[in-house]
Amino acid sequence: MTDHGARTVVVTGAGRGLGEAMARRAAADGYHVVVAELDTGRGERCAAAIRDDGGQAVHLPLDVADPGSVASLAAELAPRAPLYALVNNAALADGVGGKEFQDIDVAVWDRLMAVNARGPWLVAKHLLPLMSGPGRIVNIASDAALYGSPRLAHYIASKGAVLALTRAMARELGESGITVNAVAPGLTEVEATEAVPAERHALYAARRAIARPQRPDDLTGLVAFLLGEESRYLTGQVIAVNGGFTMH
């Protein structure tokens, strides 16, 4: 375990799945973790589990689609400034696929964009004044935006926006000492992917260079690196972690 002292890392959507795995790894690495989670029960459980393991964590409520909620989070975190890092993980992913692009309802499209695309920008916008270099922002995207999975147009568009936002933020924050990178996971075995159709699981299994299913801990090591000192000269990059499902 590395001692990172009082450095605070905010992980959005950390109540389960990849978000929880990243929060737990950050805490294990010695960071003070803010579990920023809409579901109070899940958020409190994650923070409590981290503390039970000897780490430092607190749950704070957050709805990334609600500007008021994001502003409240920033106000709550102000006494902890300067913040060190933000992991933009919160997203709508459960049961979002199945329709071809022309059949997606406008309200469904807008809701997904508000969470997945606008959310990371909104959280970074409000927390940036609390950060000072050196610092880290890690945006969690998806390899679906790189592959172009069918019947996921709104999800792919939202995660494609995250990739573009990452590059724009990296350009603007370069001189501040805050790096901004994106991680694009593949289909990972977590609660949010349990309802993914069997044929999509089969597609990933057939196309991966590493055929075994992807687990959350396949991703957490890379995020730990991106939060660390050795990644200080890496910014504006998109790194796919999917066992070779996509190669660029």
C-alpha atoms as a PDB file:
ATOM      1  CA  MET A   1       0.000   0.000   0.000  1.00  0.00           C
ATOM      2  CA  THR A   2       1.312   3.421  -0.986  1.00  0.00           C
ATOM      3  CA  ASP A   3       0.732   6.253   1.478  1.00  0.00           C
ATOM      4  CA  HIS A   4      -0.912   9.133  -0.382  1.00  0.00           C
ATOM      5  CA  GLY A   5      -1.650  11.037   2.802  1.00  0.00           C
ATOM      6  CA  ALA A   6      -4.703  13.255   2.650  1.00  0.00           C
ATOM      7  CA  ARG A   7      -5.067  13.161  -1.135  1.00  0.00           C
ATOM      8  CA  THR A   8      -8.762  12.924  -1.961  1.00  0.00           C
ATOM      9  CA  VAL A   9     -10.115  11.025  -4.958  1.00  0.00           C
ATOM     10  CA  VAL A  10     -13.764  11.424  -5.971  1.00  0.00           C
ATOM     11  CA  VAL A  11     -15.276   8.419  -7.748  1.00  0.00           C
ATOM     12  CA  THR A  12     -18.734   8.944  -9.222  1.00  0.00           C
ATOM     13  CA  GLY A  13     -21.150   6.034  -9.481  1.00  0.00           C
ATOM     14  CA  ALA A  14     -19.041   4.092  -7.002  1.00  0.00           C
ATOM     15  CA  GLY A  15     -21.855   2.165  -5.357  1.00  0.00           C
ATOM     16  CA  ARG A  16     -21.381  -1.001  -7.401  1.00  0.00           C
ATOM     17  CA  GLY A  17     -19.556  -2.640 -10.300  1.00  0.00           C
ATOM     18  CA  LEU A  18     -16.562  -0.947 -11.858  1.00  0.00           C
ATOM     19  CA  GLY A  19     -17.060   2.194  -9.801  1.00  0.00           C
ATOM     20  CA  GLU A  20     -16.933   0.271  -6.544  1.00  0.00           C
ATOM     21  CA  ALA A  21     -13.891  -1.695  -7.704  1.00  0.00           C
ATOM     22  CA  MET A  22     -12.045   1.517  -8.581  1.00  0.00           C
ATOM     23  CA  ALA A  23     -13.026   3.147  -5.281  1.00  0.00           C
ATOM     24  CA  ARG A  24     -11.802   0.139  -3.323  1.00  0.00           C
ATOM     25  CA  ARG A  25      -8.493   0.084  -5.218  1.00  0.00           C
ATOM     26  CA  ALA A  26      -7.947   3.813  -4.674  1.00  0.00           C
ATOM     27  CA  ALA A  27      -8.580   3.370  -0.958  1.00  0.00           C
ATOM     28  CA  ALA A  28      -6.226   0.385  -0.844  1.00  0.00           C
ATOM     29  CA  ASP A  29      -3.586   2.599  -2.462  1.00  0.00           C
ATOM     30  CA  GLY A  30      -3.900   5.080   0.384  1.00  0.00           C
ATOM     31  CA  TYR A  31      -6.193   7.748  -1.025  1.00  0.00           C
ATOM     32  CA  HIS A  32      -9.126   9.218   0.854  1.00  0.00           C
ATOM     33  CA  VAL A  33     -12.072   8.197  -1.339  1.00  0.00           C
ATOM     34  CA  VAL A  34     -15.325  10.073  -1.813  1.00  0.00           C
ATOM     35  CA  VAL A  35     -17.965   7.592  -2.962  1.00  0.00           C
ATOM     36  CA  ALA A  36     -20.197   9.935  -4.988  1.00  0.00           C
ATOM     37  CA  GLU A  37     -23.272   7.776  -5.545  1.00  0.00           C
ATOM     38  CA  LEU A  38     -26.955   8.446  -6.242  1.00  0.00           C
ATOM     39  CA  ASP A  39     -28.156   5.281  -4.492  1.00  0.00           C
ATOM     40  CA  THR A  40     -27.645   6.009  -0.788  1.00  0.00           C
ATOM     41  CA  GLY A  41     -27.767   2.369   0.281  1.00  0.00           C
ATOM     42  CA  ARG A  42     -25.124   1.304  -2.206  1.00  0.00           C
ATOM     43  CA  GLY A  43     -22.948   4.337  -1.538  1.00  0.00           C
ATOM     44  CA  GLU A  44     -22.987   3.879   2.224  1.00  0.00           C
ATOM     45  CA  ARG A  45     -22.297   0.167   1.872  1.00  0.00           C
ATOM     46  CA  CYS A  46     -19.271   0.778  -0.362  1.00  0.00           C
ATOM     47  CA  ALA A  47     -17.828   3.445   1.936  1.00  0.00           C
ATOM     48  CA  ALA A  48     -18.396   1.253   5.000  1.00  0.00           C
ATOM     49  CA  ALA A  49     -16.695  -1.712   3.325  1.00  0.00           C
ATOM     50  CA  ILE A  50     -13.663   0.435   2.540  1.00  0.00           C
ATOM     51  CA  ARG A  51     -13.450   1.619   6.128  1.00  0.00           C
ATOM     52  CA  ASP A  52     -13.839  -1.965   7.381  1.00  0.00           C
ATOM     53  CA  ASP A  53     -10.802  -2.838   5.260  1.00  0.00           C
ATOM     54  CA  GLY A  54      -8.793  -0.068   6.905  1.00  0.00           C
ATOM     55  CA  GLY A  55      -9.229   2.571   4.215  1.00  0.00           C
ATOM     56  CA  GLN A  56     -10.623   6.087   4.300  1.00  0.00           C
ATOM     57  CA  ALA A  57     -13.953   6.708   2.578  1.00  0.00           C
ATOM     58  CA  VAL A  58     -17.129   8.714   2.864  1.00  0.00           C
ATOM     59  CA  HIS A  59     -20.330   8.543   0.855  1.00  0.00           C
ATOM     60  CA  LEU A  60     -21.819  11.736  -0.565  1.00  0.00           C
ATOM     61  CA  PRO A  61     -25.005  11.727  -2.688  1.00  0.00           C
ATOM     62  CA  LEU A  62     -24.703  12.703  -6.338  1.00  0.00           C
ATOM     63  CA  ASP A  63     -26.980  12.758  -9.364  1.00  0.00           C
ATOM     64  CA  VAL A  64     -24.677  13.727 -12.233  1.00  0.00           C
ATOM     65  CA  ALA A  65     -27.669  14.698 -14.395  1.00  0.00           C
ATOM     66  CA  ASP A  66     -28.861  17.286 -11.856  1.00  0.00           C
ATOM     67  CA  PRO A  67     -26.859  20.547 -11.826  1.00  0.00           C
ATOM     68  CA  GLY A  68     -28.126  21.311  -8.333  1.00  0.00           C
ATOM     69  CA  SER A  69     -26.898  17.974  -7.022  1.00  0.00           C
ATOM     70  CA  VAL A  70     -23.480  18.498  -8.587  1.00  0.00           C
ATOM     71  CA  ALA A  71     -23.250  21.999  -7.118  1.00  0.00           C
ATOM     72  CA  SER A  72     -24.170  20.597  -3.690  1.00  0.00           C
ATOM     73  CA  LEU A  73     -21.430  17.992  -3.965  1.00  0.00           C
ATOM     74  CA  ALA A  74     -18.890  20.704  -4.769  1.00  0.00           C
ATOM     75  CA  ALA A  75     -20.037  22.763  -1.778  1.00  0.00           C
ATOM     76  CA  GLU A  76     -19.766  19.716   0.492  1.00  0.00           C
ATOM     77  CA  LEU A  77     -16.246  19.027  -0.778  1.00  0.00           C
ATOM     78  CA  ALA A  78     -14.987  22.604  -0.567  1.00  0.00           C
ATOM     79  CA  PRO A  79     -13.608  22.172   2.982  1.00  0.00           C
ATOM     80  CA  ARG A  80     -11.550  19.224   1.691  1.00  0.00           C
ATOM     81  CA  ALA A  81      -9.849  21.285  -1.031  1.00  0.00           C
ATOM     82  CA  PRO A  82      -7.568  20.878  -2.750  1.00  0.00           C
ATOM     83  CA  LEU A  83      -8.946  17.702  -4.286  1.00  0.00           C
ATOM     84  CA  TYR A  84      -6.442  15.498  -6.058  1.00  0.00           C
ATOM     85  CA  ALA A  85      -8.434  13.445  -8.533  1.00  0.00           C
ATOM     86  CA  LEU A  86     -11.806  12.789 -10.117  1.00  0.00           C
ATOM     87  CA  VAL A  87     -12.854   9.478 -11.655  1.00  0.00           C
ATOM     88  CA  ASN A  88     -15.902  10.160 -13.840  1.00  0.00           C
ATOM     89  CA  ASN A  89     -17.532   6.733 -13.800  1.00  0.00           C
ATOM     90  CA  ALA A  90     -21.288   7.316 -13.265  1.00  0.00           C
ATOM     91  CA  ALA A  91     -23.312   6.323 -16.326  1.00  0.00           C
ATOM     92  CA  LEU A  92     -26.524   4.716 -17.487  1.00  0.00           C
ATOM     93  CA  ALA A  93     -25.688   1.287 -18.865  1.00  0.00           C
ATOM     94  CA  ASP A  94     -28.320  -1.139 -17.574  1.00  0.00           C
ATOM     95  CA  GLY A  95     -30.623  -2.355 -20.339  1.00  0.00           C
ATOM     96  CA  VAL A  96     -29.936   0.562 -22.678  1.00  0.00           C
ATOM     97  CA  GLY A  97     -29.596  -1.426 -25.895  1.00  0.00           C
ATOM     98  CA  GLY A  98     -31.882  -3.320 -28.215  1.00  0.00           C
ATOM     99  CA  LYS A  99     -33.321  -0.682 -30.545  1.00  0.00           C
ATOM    100  CA  GLU A 100     -31.937   0.496 -33.857  1.00  0.00           C
ATOM    101  CA  PHE A 101     -31.014   4.176 -33.903  1.00  0.00           C
ATOM    102  CA  GLN A 102     -34.155   5.312 -35.739  1.00  0.00           C
ATOM    103  CA  ASP A 103     -36.399   3.675 -33.113  1.00  0.00           C
ATOM    104  CA  ILE A 104     -34.877   5.317 -30.020  1.00  0.00           C
ATOM    105  CA  ASP A 105     -37.247   7.722 -28.279  1.00  0.00           C
ATOM    106  CA  VAL A 106     -36.094  11.320 -27.955  1.00  0.00           C
ATOM    107  CA  ALA A 107     -36.692  11.310 -24.194  1.00  0.00           C
ATOM    108  CA  VAL A 108     -34.592   8.151 -23.791  1.00  0.00           C
ATOM    109  CA  TRP A 109     -31.823   9.660 -25.935  1.00  0.00           C
ATOM    110  CA  ASP A 110     -31.821  12.900 -23.943  1.00  0.00           C
ATOM    111  CA  ARG A 111     -31.807  11.141 -20.562  1.00  0.00           C
ATOM    112  CA  LEU A 112     -28.835   8.989 -21.523  1.00  0.00           C
ATOM    113  CA  MET A 113     -26.943  11.998 -22.867  1.00  0.00           C
ATOM    114  CA  ALA A 114     -27.664  13.999 -19.709  1.00  0.00           C
ATOM    115  CA  VAL A 115     -26.069  11.313 -17.553  1.00  0.00           C
ATOM    116  CA  ASN A 116     -23.336   9.825 -19.747  1.00  0.00           C
ATOM    117  CA  ALA A 117     -22.144  12.800 -21.789  1.00  0.00           C
ATOM    118  CA  ARG A 118     -23.108  15.942 -19.893  1.00  0.00           C
ATOM    119  CA  GLY A 119     -22.546  14.392 -16.465  1.00  0.00           C
ATOM    120  CA  PRO A 120     -18.741  14.055 -16.664  1.00  0.00           C
ATOM    121  CA  TRP A 121     -18.439  17.624 -17.962  1.00  0.00           C
ATOM    122  CA  LEU A 122     -20.758  18.974 -15.266  1.00  0.00           C
ATOM    123  CA  VAL A 123     -18.935  17.241 -12.418  1.00  0.00           C
ATOM    124  CA  ALA A 124     -15.518  18.309 -13.719  1.00  0.00           C
ATOM    125  CA  LYS A 125     -16.791  21.879 -14.189  1.00  0.00           C
ATOM    126  CA  HIS A 126     -17.848  22.137 -10.541  1.00  0.00           C
ATOM    127  CA  LEU A 127     -14.913  20.280  -8.985  1.00  0.00           C
ATOM    128  CA  LEU A 128     -12.135  21.875 -11.030  1.00  0.00           C
ATOM    129  CA  PRO A 129     -12.030  25.016  -8.823  1.00  0.00           C
ATOM    130  CA  LEU A 130     -11.304  22.693  -5.883  1.00  0.00           C
ATOM    131  CA  MET A 131      -8.370  21.022  -7.663  1.00  0.00           C
ATOM    132  CA  SER A 132      -4.803  22.175  -8.044  1.00  0.00           C
ATOM    133  CA  GLY A 133      -1.941  20.634  -9.927  1.00  0.00           C
ATOM    134  CA  PRO A 134      -0.667  18.057  -9.883  1.00  0.00           C
ATOM    135  CA  GLY A 135      -4.034  16.358 -10.271  1.00  0.00           C
ATOM    136  CA  ARG A 136      -5.817  13.701 -12.240  1.00  0.00           C
ATOM    137  CA  ILE A 137      -9.106  13.314 -14.083  1.00  0.00           C
ATOM    138  CA  VAL A 138      -9.973   9.863 -15.420  1.00  0.00           C
ATOM    139  CA  ASN A 139     -13.080   9.540 -17.575  1.00  0.00           C
ATOM    140  CA  ILE A 140     -14.599   6.074 -17.962  1.00  0.00           C
ATOM    141  CA  ALA A 141     -15.825   5.574 -21.521  1.00  0.00           C
ATOM    142  CA  SER A 142     -16.569   2.290 -23.330  1.00  0.00           C
ATOM    143  CA  ASP A 143     -15.026   0.278 -26.121  1.00  0.00           C
ATOM    144  CA  ALA A 144     -18.513   0.222 -27.674  1.00  0.00           C
ATOM    145  CA  ALA A 145     -17.703   3.725 -28.924  1.00  0.00           C
ATOM    146  CA  LEU A 146     -14.604   2.326 -30.645  1.00  0.00           C
ATOM    147  CA  TYR A 147     -16.228  -0.788 -32.085  1.00  0.00           C
ATOM    148  CA  GLY A 148     -19.601   0.627 -33.083  1.00  0.00           C
ATOM    149  CA  SER A 149     -21.840  -1.986 -31.501  1.00  0.00           C
ATOM    150  CA  PRO A 150     -25.277  -2.218 -33.157  1.00  0.00           C
ATOM    151  CA  ARG A 151     -28.514  -1.205 -31.405  1.00  0.00           C
ATOM    152  CA  LEU A 152     -26.666   1.015 -28.955  1.00  0.00           C
ATOM    153  CA  ALA A 153     -26.527   4.292 -30.885  1.00  0.00           C
ATOM    154  CA  HIS A 154     -27.397   6.598 -27.989  1.00  0.00           C
ATOM    155  CA  TYR A 155     -24.993   4.850 -25.622  1.00  0.00           C
ATOM    156  CA  ILE A 156     -22.206   4.859 -28.219  1.00  0.00           C
ATOM    157  CA  ALA A 157     -22.805   8.531 -28.997  1.00  0.00           C
ATOM    158  CA  SER A 158     -22.650   9.405 -25.303  1.00  0.00           C
ATOM    159  CA  LYS A 159     -19.416   7.506 -24.742  1.00  0.00           C
ATOM    160  CA  GLY A 160     -17.961   8.938 -27.951  1.00  0.00           C
ATOM    161  CA  ALA A 161     -18.652  12.351 -26.462  1.00  0.00           C
ATOM    162  CA  VAL A 162     -16.654  11.339 -23.382  1.00  0.00           C
ATOM    163  CA  LEU A 163     -13.668  10.502 -25.590  1.00  0.00           C
ATOM    164  CA  ALA A 164     -13.840  13.892 -27.317  1.00  0.00           C
ATOM    165  CA  LEU A 165     -14.372  15.704 -24.014  1.00  0.00           C
ATOM    166  CA  THR A 166     -11.272  14.009 -22.617  1.00  0.00           C
ATOM    167  CA  ARG A 167      -9.102  15.436 -25.388  1.00  0.00           C
ATOM    168  CA  ALA A 168     -10.585  18.926 -25.053  1.00  0.00           C
ATOM    169  CA  MET A 169     -10.100  18.966 -21.280  1.00  0.00           C
ATOM    170  CA  ALA A 170      -6.544  17.666 -21.591  1.00  0.00           C
ATOM    171  CA  ARG A 171      -5.642  20.523 -23.947  1.00  0.00           C
ATOM    172  CA  GLU A 172      -7.084  23.134 -21.636  1.00  0.00           C
ATOM    173  CA  LEU A 173      -5.640  21.744 -18.404  1.00  0.00           C
ATOM    174  CA  GLY A 174      -2.176  20.801 -19.624  1.00  0.00           C
ATOM    175  CA  GLU A 175      -0.404  23.797 -18.131  1.00  0.00           C
ATOM    176  CA  SER A 176      -2.188  23.393 -14.810  1.00  0.00           C
ATOM    177  CA  GLY A 177      -0.553  20.064 -14.038  1.00  0.00           C
ATOM    178  CA  ILE A 178      -3.884  18.218 -14.182  1.00  0.00           C
ATOM    179  CA  THR A 179      -3.865  15.291 -16.588  1.00  0.00           C
ATOM    180  CA  VAL A 180      -7.044  14.025 -18.255  1.00  0.00           C
ATOM    181  CA  ASN A 181      -7.294  10.539 -19.745  1.00  0.00           C
ATOM    182  CA  ALA A 182     -10.046   8.112 -20.674  1.00  0.00           C
ATOM    183  CA  VAL A 183     -10.337   4.380 -20.124  1.00  0.00           C
ATOM    184  CA  ALA A 184     -12.583   2.372 -22.437  1.00  0.00           C
ATOM    185  CA  PRO A 185     -13.509  -0.942 -20.794  1.00  0.00           C
ATOM    186  CA  GLY A 186     -14.898  -3.880 -22.696  1.00  0.00           C
ATOM    187  CA  LEU A 187     -17.894  -5.955 -21.669  1.00  0.00           C
ATOM    188  CA  THR A 188     -17.135  -6.598 -18.010  1.00  0.00           C
ATOM    189  CA  GLU A 189     -18.837  -9.090 -15.719  1.00  0.00           C
ATOM    190  CA  VAL A 190     -20.657  -6.769 -13.319  1.00  0.00           C
ATOM    191  CA  GLU A 191     -24.266  -6.265 -12.292  1.00  0.00           C
ATOM    192  CA  ALA A 192     -24.897  -3.706 -15.047  1.00  0.00           C
ATOM    193  CA  THR A 193     -24.040  -6.222 -17.786  1.00  0.00           C
ATOM    194  CA  GLU A 194     -26.078  -9.137 -16.498  1.00  0.00           C
ATOM    195  CA  ALA A 195     -28.950  -8.240 -18.834  1.00  0.00           C
ATOM    196  CA  VAL A 196     -26.728  -7.901 -21.911  1.00  0.00           C
ATOM    197  CA  PRO A 197     -27.955 -10.353 -24.576  1.00  0.00           C
ATOM    198  CA  ALA A 198     -26.105 -13.652 -24.788  1.00  0.00           C
ATOM    199  CA  GLU A 199     -25.138 -13.007 -28.407  1.00  0.00           C
ATOM    200  CA  ARG A 200     -23.181  -9.914 -27.395  1.00  0.00           C
ATOM    201  CA  HIS A 201     -21.310 -11.862 -24.733  1.00  0.00           C
ATOM    202  CA  ALA A 202     -20.577 -14.465 -27.410  1.00  0.00           C
ATOM    203  CA  LEU A 203     -19.330 -11.767 -29.789  1.00  0.00           C
ATOM    204  CA  TYR A 204     -16.843 -10.504 -27.227  1.00  0.00           C
ATOM    205  CA  ALA A 205     -15.702 -14.036 -26.410  1.00  0.00           C
ATOM    206  CA  ALA A 206     -15.113 -14.760 -30.094  1.00  0.00           C
ATOM    207  CA  ARG A 207     -13.289 -11.524 -30.934  1.00  0.00           C
ATOM    208  CA  ARG A 208     -11.091 -11.038 -27.854  1.00  0.00           C
ATOM    209  CA  ALA A 209      -7.426 -11.918 -28.189  1.00  0.00           C
ATOM    210  CA  ILE A 210      -7.666 -12.936 -24.521  1.00  0.00           C
ATOM    211  CA  ALA A 211     -10.790 -15.072 -24.604  1.00  0.00           C
ATOM    212  CA  ARG A 212     -11.681 -15.247 -20.917  1.00  0.00           C
ATOM    213  CA  PRO A 213     -14.418 -12.966 -19.518  1.00  0.00           C
ATOM    214  CA  GLN A 214     -13.377  -9.502 -18.366  1.00  0.00           C
ATOM    215  CA  ARG A 215     -13.419  -8.765 -14.636  1.00  0.00           C
ATOM    216  CA  PRO A 216     -13.385  -5.431 -12.788  1.00  0.00           C
ATOM    217  CA  ASP A 217      -9.850  -6.015 -11.523  1.00  0.00           C
ATOM    218  CA  ASP A 218      -8.663  -6.103 -15.138  1.00  0.00           C
ATOM    219  CA  LEU A 219      -9.321  -2.357 -15.170  1.00  0.00           C
ATOM    220  CA  THR A 220      -8.423  -1.129 -11.702  1.00  0.00           C
ATOM    221  CA  GLY A 221      -4.664  -1.451 -12.152  1.00  0.00           C
ATOM    222  CA  LEU A 222      -4.695   0.893 -15.135  1.00  0.00           C
ATOM    223  CA  VAL A 223      -6.819   3.442 -13.280  1.00  0.00           C
ATOM    224  CA  ALA A 224      -4.403   3.220 -10.341  1.00  0.00           C
ATOM    225  CA  PHE A 225      -1.547   3.991 -12.730  1.00  0.00           C
ATOM    226  CA  LEU A 226      -3.410   6.953 -14.225  1.00  0.00           C
ATOM    227  CA  LEU A 227      -3.965   8.327 -10.721  1.00  0.00           C
ATOM    228  CA  GLY A 228      -0.333   7.889  -9.808  1.00  0.00           C
ATOM    229  CA  GLU A 229       2.839   9.927 -10.167  1.00  0.00           C
ATOM    230  CA  GLU A 230       4.265   7.808 -13.000  1.00  0.00           C
ATOM    231  CA  SER A 231       1.474   8.916 -15.364  1.00  0.00           C
ATOM    232  CA  ARG A 232       2.326  12.621 -14.939  1.00  0.00           C
ATOM    233  CA  TYR A 233       3.300  13.044 -18.620  1.00  0.00           C
ATOM    234  CA  LEU A 234       0.354  11.080 -20.041  1.00  0.00           C
ATOM    235  CA  THR A 235      -2.705  13.119 -20.987  1.00  0.00           C
ATOM    236  CA  GLY A 236      -5.429  13.259 -23.610  1.00  0.00           C
ATOM    237  CA  GLN A 237      -5.232   9.529 -24.240  1.00  0.00           C
ATOM    238  CA  VAL A 238      -7.888   6.833 -24.643  1.00  0.00           C
ATOM    239  CA  ILE A 239      -6.843   3.392 -23.439  1.00  0.00           C
ATOM    240  CA  ALA A 240      -9.047   0.412 -24.247  1.00  0.00           C
ATOM    241  CA  VAL A 241      -9.014  -2.433 -21.737  1.00  0.00           C
ATOM    242  CA  ASN A 242     -10.889  -5.279 -23.374  1.00  0.00           C
ATOM    243  CA  GLY A 243      -8.558  -8.223 -23.913  1.00  0.00           C
ATOM    244  CA  GLY A 244      -7.867  -7.147 -27.482  1.00  0.00           C
ATOM    245  CA  PHE A 245     -11.505  -6.952 -28.605  1.00  0.00           C
ATOM    246  CA  THR A 246     -10.532  -3.708 -30.314  1.00  0.00           C
ATOM    247  CA  MET A 247      -6.969  -2.817 -31.334  1.00  0.00           C
ATOM    248  CA  HIS A 248      -5.919   0.687 -32.367  1.00  0.00           C
END
